[in-house]
Amino acid sequence: MSEREPKNEDKEPDHFPYRRPVDAATLILVDRSSATPKVLVGKRHDKVVFQPGKIVFPGGRVDPSDSRVPLAGPVPAALEANLLKGSPKITASRARALAVAAIREACEETGLCLGRKSEGATPALSGPWKPFADAGLLPDPSGLFLIARAITPPGRVRRYDTRFFTADASAIAHRIDGVVHADAELVELVWVELGSKPLADLHRMTTKVLDELAQRLSTGPLRHDAEVPFFRAEGGAMRRDVLGV
């Protein structure tokens, strides 16, 4: 399945050389406490290099610490299986790092941390993981679901091979005050109803991912055995495949 990409939509000049996509992860937090699900979005600072002033979901590239930090529990086997689907093939360690990166980026950018009390003494974590240790928590991937994978089209200054995860708002175990402010990467956080007007400002590929999420939420509880779409550019069109098919 494919469709033509509109001209000039968030597109950089075509003279940029081919850049290999960098592994990245995005987390879409969902609040299902009302009839219409809401998702958490942030507004980026006007002076950041990438997507200034845009409405975005927390996310970013995989960090080396994502494969080493101790977790409250393993990545669910069904989630790992979904992450291992597709090409190029990745290792179980890389799959773990992708899931953990989504948790780290959300905590760093929004102050909302998905964790669980550790059994026994909490390890002495540093850097981006220190807030977890301070709260007596370890990162917890048990509530994550893979919604989609998408690769930034060629010709962009920055290219990402992004796995889009979702988790219910009830998985938020700790909140850090002061992360979002006028001089931060994200200057505002808002819970927005799926399908509402503010989400129209999102990048078109992200909108496709949200459509997939809305469809899955409409069928009931999220499941790991639902198909996971893979969006990529091919011949100037956006192609939708299904991972593992």
Foldseek 3Di string as FASTA:
>chain_A
DWDFDDPPFLADDQPDDWDDAAAKEFEWEWEPPDPFIWTKWFAFDQPDPPPHRFIGTFMDGFDPCQLPFDAQDAAPPLQLVLLQFDPPGDDSSVSSSRLSRNQLRCCQQFQFHQWDAHDDQDDCDDDSCNVQNVVNTGHYSHFKEFQAWEWDATRHPHIHGYTYIYGYPVRGDGGDPPSAPNPHRTPDMDTGGQPDDSCVRDRPVVNVSSVSVSVQVVVPDHDSPDWYWYWYDDPNIIDIDTTPD
